[in-house]
Amino acid sequence: MASKTKIYIVLEFVDGGELFDKIAAYGRLKEDEARNYFQQLINAVDYCHSRGVYHRDLKPENMLLDSNSVLKVSDFGLSTYSQKEGELLRTACGTPNYVAPEVLNDRGYVGSTSDIWSCGVILFVLMAGYLPFDEPSHMTLYRKIGRAQFSCPSWFTPQAKALLKRILHPNPLTRIKIHELLEDAWFKKGYKPASFTEEEDLSVDDVAVAFSHSNEKLVTLRKEKPVSMNAFELISRSQSFNLDSLFEKQTMNLQGDKSGRKGYLSVATQVFEVAPSVHMVELGKTAGVTLEFHKACEIPSLCFSSINILQNLLVRVARNSVEY
């Protein structure tokens, strides 16, 4: 939020400290507690990856806890953004004990698989109380990481050991993926899927007042019959030959939004009547994730099918004055 002289950044108050502090104070965690934190971590990492964000420095020091032991991922200082899933990254970064083998070999790596490796190291630390890869010499440490040379303590259950071996696998191509991890029997015990909806009892009055000028709505519909368009008006829709100033247009607008795993996306449409039996529908993004909007537009059959359905719906609404 901002005034004429100041900028205000409002952050969530997380008063539980670092997850690392809890491990340092109590040693290893019980399996169920460790699993609960690991499940929350995977939900958070999956959320980031679905938006093309790769953390690259996941470790207990960057995991925060609130007063209800809800885990929060912090410190995105080494994170990177990629619009193409599976794109190779080149910068070797992160905390040595938590980095994946492919990050060390300087041949490029995929951000999602390297983050999964770091999550596996965190899971090991939560249940064991110490690192799986820890050597005084960096060369020895990197050699052990490259070979995924580690051993699980005796108190690890067979199911936990099996999952860790799939996560801490030296080959990123055969390392377990998040969608596979979500189906693992050990992981699924007591698992609560991520929720993308706001709590109903949360108070956001102060924020609402600060941004009261926002006109974003869930659904906005103006019931007006689309005005007929002649050839010159149709030409004016071209960005290279815009004649908007010569005409007064009336349009039918429909706007909606939805939030999910791939992020928030708000799409608006405008319908123009070119002829009594021909309508032009203009589809555009008004807010949200541009990458997802572009992906949707790259599917011609889906795009045209959606436009045809929307066109028929809006024309019927305009002609029959149906109220929604």
Protein backbone atom coordinates (compact mmCIF):
# COMPACT_ATOMS: atom_id res chain seq x y z
CA MET A 1 0.00 0.00 0.00
CA ALA A 2 1.18 3.53 -0.55
CA SER A 3 0.51 7.13 0.31
CA LYS A 4 1.96 10.16 -1.43
CA THR A 5 5.13 9.97 0.66
CA LYS A 6 5.43 6.38 1.93
CA ILE A 7 5.25 2.78 0.72
CA TYR A 8 3.86 0.18 3.13
CA ILE A 9 4.70 -3.51 2.77
CA VAL A 10 2.47 -5.75 4.89
CA LEU A 11 3.91 -9.17 5.72
CA GLU A 12 2.44 -12.14 7.51
CA PHE A 13 3.62 -12.38 11.12
CA VAL A 14 5.34 -15.76 11.53
CA ASP A 15 6.28 -16.13 15.19
CA GLY A 16 7.36 -19.77 15.36
CA GLY A 17 10.92 -19.22 14.21
CA GLU A 18 12.93 -21.42 11.87
CA LEU A 19 12.32 -25.13 11.47
CA PHE A 20 16.08 -25.47 11.96
CA ASP A 21 15.76 -24.04 15.48
CA LYS A 22 13.24 -26.74 16.38
CA ILE A 23 15.57 -29.48 15.14
CA ALA A 24 18.51 -27.93 17.00
CA ALA A 25 16.49 -27.69 20.23
CA TYR A 26 14.77 -31.09 20.20
CA GLY A 27 16.93 -33.20 17.92
CA ARG A 28 15.20 -35.50 15.46
CA LEU A 29 11.43 -35.35 15.14
CA LYS A 30 8.99 -38.21 15.41
CA GLU A 31 8.09 -39.75 12.07
CA ASP A 32 4.51 -38.41 11.99
CA GLU A 33 5.63 -34.87 12.83
CA ALA A 34 8.44 -34.99 10.27
CA ARG A 35 6.01 -36.31 7.65
CA ASN A 36 3.57 -33.47 8.39
CA TYR A 37 6.24 -30.81 7.80
CA PHE A 38 7.46 -32.63 4.69
CA GLN A 39 3.93 -32.77 3.27
CA GLN A 40 3.55 -29.02 3.79
CA LEU A 41 6.95 -28.44 2.18
CA ILE A 42 5.99 -30.46 -0.90
CA ASN A 43 2.71 -28.53 -1.19
CA ALA A 44 4.63 -25.25 -1.09
CA VAL A 45 7.28 -26.39 -3.58
CA ASP A 46 4.63 -27.78 -5.92
CA TYR A 47 2.84 -24.41 -5.74
CA CYS A 48 6.05 -22.61 -6.74
CA HIS A 49 6.89 -25.05 -9.54
CA SER A 50 3.39 -24.76 -11.01
CA ARG A 51 4.17 -21.07 -11.53
CA GLY A 52 7.63 -21.63 -12.98
CA VAL A 53 9.48 -20.59 -9.80
CA TYR A 54 12.38 -22.71 -8.52
CA HIS A 55 13.75 -21.98 -5.05
CA ARG A 56 17.27 -23.47 -5.35
CA ASP A 57 18.13 -22.98 -1.66
CA LEU A 58 15.69 -25.15 0.27
CA LYS A 59 16.92 -26.00 3.78
CA PRO A 60 15.50 -25.98 7.35
CA GLU A 61 16.94 -22.49 7.94
CA ASN A 62 14.61 -21.21 5.20
CA MET A 63 11.53 -22.96 6.59
CA LEU A 64 9.52 -20.82 9.02
CA LEU A 65 6.74 -21.92 11.39
CA ASP A 66 3.78 -19.92 12.61
CA SER A 67 2.08 -20.30 16.00
CA ASN A 68 0.02 -23.23 14.63
CA SER A 69 3.10 -25.06 13.27
CA VAL A 70 2.13 -24.23 9.71
CA LEU A 71 5.25 -24.27 7.55
CA LYS A 72 6.20 -21.27 5.40
CA VAL A 73 8.95 -21.29 2.76
CA SER A 74 11.09 -18.15 2.86
CA ASP A 75 14.25 -16.58 1.39
CA PHE A 76 13.78 -16.66 -2.37
CA GLY A 77 17.03 -14.77 -2.91
CA LEU A 78 18.51 -17.55 -5.09
CA SER A 79 15.26 -18.49 -6.79
CA THR A 80 14.74 -18.24 -10.53
CA TYR A 81 11.83 -18.08 -12.91
CA SER A 82 11.40 -20.12 -16.06
CA GLN A 83 8.49 -20.01 -18.50
CA LYS A 84 9.35 -23.42 -19.99
CA GLU A 85 8.92 -26.51 -17.85
CA GLY A 86 12.05 -28.65 -17.97
CA GLU A 87 14.30 -25.79 -19.12
CA LEU A 88 17.93 -26.28 -18.07
CA LEU A 89 19.40 -23.87 -15.56
CA ARG A 90 23.11 -23.12 -15.49
CA THR A 91 23.88 -21.25 -12.27
CA ALA A 92 25.36 -23.48 -9.57
CA CYS A 93 24.01 -22.14 -6.30
CA GLY A 94 22.57 -23.23 -2.97
CA THR A 95 23.90 -24.61 0.31
CA PRO A 96 26.45 -27.39 -0.45
CA ASN A 97 24.94 -30.04 1.84
CA TYR A 98 21.51 -29.65 0.20
CA VAL A 99 22.35 -29.24 -3.50
CA ALA A 100 21.59 -31.96 -6.03
CA PRO A 101 24.36 -33.82 -7.91
CA GLU A 102 23.40 -32.31 -11.27
CA VAL A 103 23.85 -28.78 -9.89
CA LEU A 104 27.49 -29.62 -9.12
CA ASN A 105 28.46 -31.15 -12.47
CA ASP A 106 28.11 -27.86 -14.41
CA ARG A 107 26.12 -29.42 -17.28
CA GLY A 108 22.81 -27.75 -16.62
CA TYR A 109 19.95 -28.94 -14.45
CA VAL A 110 16.16 -28.79 -14.16
CA GLY A 111 15.01 -26.60 -11.29
CA SER A 112 12.11 -28.83 -10.25
CA THR A 113 14.18 -32.01 -9.86
CA SER A 114 16.99 -30.23 -7.99
CA ASP A 115 14.44 -28.76 -5.55
CA ILE A 116 13.02 -32.25 -4.96
CA TRP A 117 16.49 -33.48 -4.01
CA SER A 118 16.80 -30.68 -1.44
CA CYS A 119 13.39 -31.65 -0.03
CA GLY A 120 14.70 -35.20 0.41
CA VAL A 121 17.71 -33.94 2.35
CA ILE A 122 15.37 -31.91 4.57
CA LEU A 123 13.20 -34.98 5.22
CA PHE A 124 16.30 -36.96 6.23
CA VAL A 125 17.39 -34.19 8.61
CA LEU A 126 13.93 -34.00 10.18
CA MET A 127 13.86 -37.71 10.98
CA ALA A 128 17.55 -38.29 11.71
CA GLY A 129 18.64 -35.05 13.37
CA TYR A 130 21.75 -34.83 11.18
CA LEU A 131 22.69 -34.42 7.52
CA PRO A 132 22.91 -37.35 5.08
CA PHE A 133 25.89 -35.72 3.35
CA ASP A 134 28.34 -33.98 5.66
CA GLU A 135 32.13 -33.94 5.18
CA PRO A 136 34.79 -31.41 6.20
CA SER A 137 36.23 -31.42 2.68
CA HIS A 138 34.09 -30.04 -0.14
CA MET A 139 35.63 -32.46 -2.61
CA THR A 140 34.70 -35.44 -0.44
CA LEU A 141 31.25 -33.99 0.17
CA TYR A 142 30.59 -33.46 -3.56
CA ARG A 143 31.82 -36.96 -4.34
CA LYS A 144 29.36 -38.49 -1.88
CA ILE A 145 26.52 -36.31 -3.19
CA GLY A 146 27.34 -37.29 -6.77
CA ARG A 147 27.07 -40.96 -5.87
CA ALA A 148 24.11 -40.43 -3.50
CA GLN A 149 26.23 -42.21 -0.92
CA PHE A 150 24.32 -42.12 2.36
CA SER A 151 22.89 -44.55 4.90
CA CYS A 152 19.67 -44.35 6.89
CA PRO A 153 19.65 -44.85 10.67
CA SER A 154 18.05 -47.94 12.14
CA TRP A 155 14.91 -46.17 13.40
CA PHE A 156 13.78 -45.24 9.87
CA THR A 157 10.86 -47.40 8.75
CA PRO A 158 11.29 -49.43 5.53
CA GLN A 159 8.70 -47.25 3.77
CA ALA A 160 10.56 -44.07 4.69
CA LYS A 161 13.87 -45.54 3.55
CA ALA A 162 12.37 -46.59 0.22
CA LEU A 163 10.96 -43.10 -0.40
CA LEU A 164 14.24 -41.39 0.50
CA LYS A 165 16.12 -43.59 -1.97
CA ARG A 166 13.70 -42.50 -4.72
CA ILE A 167 14.14 -38.83 -3.80
CA LEU A 168 17.91 -38.88 -3.22
CA HIS A 169 18.58 -40.62 -6.52
CA PRO A 170 21.70 -39.39 -8.33
CA ASN A 171 20.07 -39.48 -11.77
CA PRO A 172 17.61 -36.56 -12.11
CA LEU A 173 15.82 -38.29 -15.00
CA THR A 174 14.76 -41.23 -12.84
CA ARG A 175 14.37 -39.30 -9.59
CA ILE A 176 10.83 -39.28 -8.22
CA LYS A 177 8.62 -36.43 -9.42
CA ILE A 178 6.13 -34.55 -7.26
CA HIS A 179 3.08 -36.17 -8.84
CA GLU A 180 4.61 -39.58 -8.09
CA LEU A 181 5.56 -38.54 -4.58
CA LEU A 182 1.95 -37.53 -3.87
CA GLU A 183 0.91 -41.14 -4.56
CA ASP A 184 3.52 -42.72 -2.28
CA ALA A 185 1.94 -44.74 0.56
CA TRP A 186 4.26 -43.34 3.25
CA PHE A 187 3.71 -39.77 2.09
CA LYS A 188 -0.08 -40.08 1.85
CA LYS A 189 -0.57 -41.05 5.50
CA GLY A 190 -2.55 -38.19 7.07
CA TYR A 191 -1.95 -36.01 4.02
CA LYS A 192 -4.02 -32.84 3.61
CA PRO A 193 -4.00 -31.48 0.04
CA ALA A 194 -3.19 -27.82 -0.42
CA SER A 195 -6.13 -25.40 -0.36
CA PHE A 196 -6.17 -22.34 -2.61
CA THR A 197 -9.15 -20.59 -0.98
CA GLU A 198 -9.08 -17.88 1.64
CA GLU A 199 -10.29 -18.55 5.18
CA GLU A 200 -13.77 -17.07 5.55
CA ASP A 201 -13.08 -15.57 8.98
CA LEU A 202 -9.97 -13.67 7.92
CA SER A 203 -10.29 -9.90 8.27
CA VAL A 204 -8.95 -7.95 5.33
CA ASP A 205 -10.89 -4.73 5.97
CA ASP A 206 -7.76 -2.56 6.11
CA VAL A 207 -6.49 -3.93 2.83
CA ALA A 208 -9.92 -3.56 1.26
CA VAL A 209 -10.06 0.10 2.23
CA ALA A 210 -6.57 0.75 0.88
CA PHE A 211 -7.45 -0.80 -2.46
CA SER A 212 -11.11 0.21 -2.59
CA HIS A 213 -10.58 1.72 -6.03
CA SER A 214 -10.10 -1.77 -7.50
CA ASN A 215 -12.96 -2.77 -9.81
CA GLU A 216 -12.13 -6.47 -10.07
CA LYS A 217 -15.21 -8.67 -9.60
CA LEU A 218 -15.82 -12.36 -9.74
CA VAL A 219 -18.33 -11.93 -12.56
CA THR A 220 -19.34 -8.68 -14.22
CA LEU A 221 -22.01 -8.66 -16.92
CA ARG A 222 -23.53 -5.71 -18.73
CA LYS A 223 -26.80 -6.69 -20.39
CA GLU A 224 -26.62 -4.69 -23.60
CA LYS A 225 -27.28 -5.93 -27.07
CA PRO A 226 -24.04 -5.82 -29.11
CA VAL A 227 -24.04 -2.98 -31.59
CA SER A 228 -23.74 -3.82 -35.28
CA MET A 229 -20.31 -3.33 -36.80
CA ASN A 230 -19.60 -2.22 -40.33
CA ALA A 231 -16.45 -2.94 -42.30
CA PHE A 232 -14.67 0.20 -41.08
CA GLU A 233 -15.40 -0.64 -37.46
CA LEU A 234 -14.12 -4.17 -38.02
CA ILE A 235 -10.90 -2.80 -39.52
CA SER A 236 -10.50 -0.52 -36.53
CA ARG A 237 -10.03 -3.57 -34.32
CA SER A 238 -6.61 -4.04 -35.92
CA GLN A 239 -3.81 -2.66 -33.77
CA SER A 240 -1.97 -1.38 -36.82
CA PHE A 241 -4.97 0.60 -38.11
CA ASN A 242 -7.00 1.70 -35.14
CA LEU A 243 -10.04 3.87 -35.88
CA ASP A 244 -11.51 3.76 -32.39
CA SER A 245 -11.75 7.51 -32.17
CA LEU A 246 -14.17 7.62 -35.14
CA PHE A 247 -16.80 5.37 -33.62
CA GLU A 248 -18.76 5.03 -30.42
CA LYS A 249 -19.07 1.38 -29.51
CA GLN A 250 -21.33 -0.52 -27.18
CA THR A 251 -20.13 -3.95 -26.20
CA MET A 252 -21.30 -6.87 -24.14
CA ASN A 253 -18.73 -7.74 -21.52
CA LEU A 254 -18.28 -10.86 -19.41
CA GLN A 255 -15.48 -11.21 -16.92
CA GLY A 256 -14.64 -14.07 -14.59
CA ASP A 257 -11.74 -15.34 -12.57
CA LYS A 258 -10.59 -18.57 -10.99
CA SER A 259 -7.75 -19.56 -8.69
CA GLY A 260 -6.10 -22.98 -8.67
CA ARG A 261 -2.82 -24.84 -8.74
CA LYS A 262 -1.60 -22.93 -11.79
CA GLY A 263 -2.40 -19.58 -10.19
CA TYR A 264 -4.94 -16.79 -10.53
CA LEU A 265 -6.36 -15.96 -13.96
CA SER A 266 -9.02 -13.41 -14.89
CA VAL A 267 -10.32 -13.40 -18.46
CA ALA A 268 -12.69 -10.90 -20.07
CA THR A 269 -14.58 -11.14 -23.35
CA GLN A 270 -16.22 -8.58 -25.60
CA VAL A 271 -18.86 -9.49 -28.18
CA PHE A 272 -19.45 -7.44 -31.35
CA GLU A 273 -22.19 -7.98 -33.90
CA VAL A 274 -20.66 -7.88 -37.37
CA ALA A 275 -23.90 -8.96 -39.05
CA PRO A 276 -27.21 -10.30 -37.71
CA SER A 277 -25.87 -13.84 -37.91
CA VAL A 278 -22.16 -13.13 -37.38
CA HIS A 279 -20.57 -12.04 -34.12
CA MET A 280 -16.96 -11.36 -33.22
CA VAL A 281 -15.74 -12.36 -29.75
CA GLU A 282 -12.59 -10.75 -28.37
CA LEU A 283 -10.90 -12.67 -25.55
CA GLY A 284 -8.30 -11.03 -23.33
CA LYS A 285 -6.52 -11.42 -19.98
CA THR A 286 -7.35 -8.72 -17.44
CA ALA A 287 -5.33 -10.06 -14.51
CA GLY A 288 -3.43 -13.10 -13.30
CA VAL A 289 -0.85 -15.44 -14.78
CA THR A 290 0.09 -14.42 -18.33
CA LEU A 291 1.88 -17.71 -18.97
CA GLU A 292 -1.28 -19.74 -18.40
CA PHE A 293 -3.35 -17.42 -20.61
CA HIS A 294 -0.82 -17.79 -23.43
CA LYS A 295 -0.84 -21.58 -23.03
CA ALA A 296 -4.62 -21.60 -23.37
CA CYS A 297 -4.47 -19.47 -26.50
CA GLU A 298 -1.94 -21.86 -28.07
CA ILE A 299 -4.65 -24.55 -28.32
CA PRO A 300 -6.69 -23.48 -31.39
CA SER A 301 -9.42 -26.12 -31.10
CA LEU A 302 -9.99 -25.40 -27.42
CA CYS A 303 -9.90 -21.66 -27.93
CA PHE A 304 -12.34 -21.62 -30.85
CA SER A 305 -14.62 -24.13 -29.17
CA SER A 306 -14.76 -21.98 -26.04
CA ILE A 307 -15.39 -18.85 -28.07
CA ASN A 308 -18.22 -20.47 -30.02
CA ILE A 309 -19.90 -21.65 -26.83
CA LEU A 310 -19.43 -18.24 -25.20
CA GLN A 311 -20.70 -16.47 -28.29
CA ASN A 312 -23.91 -18.48 -28.39
CA LEU A 313 -24.46 -17.98 -24.67
CA LEU A 314 -23.95 -14.23 -24.75
CA VAL A 315 -26.11 -13.76 -27.83
CA ARG A 316 -28.93 -15.64 -26.13
CA VAL A 317 -28.50 -13.55 -22.99
CA ALA A 318 -28.63 -10.34 -25.01
CA ARG A 319 -31.70 -11.31 -27.03
CA ASN A 320 -33.71 -12.83 -24.21
CA SER A 321 -32.54 -10.48 -21.40
CA VAL A 322 -31.89 -13.43 -19.14
CA GLU A 323 -30.81 -12.30 -15.64
CA TYR A 324 -27.85 -13.98 -13.90
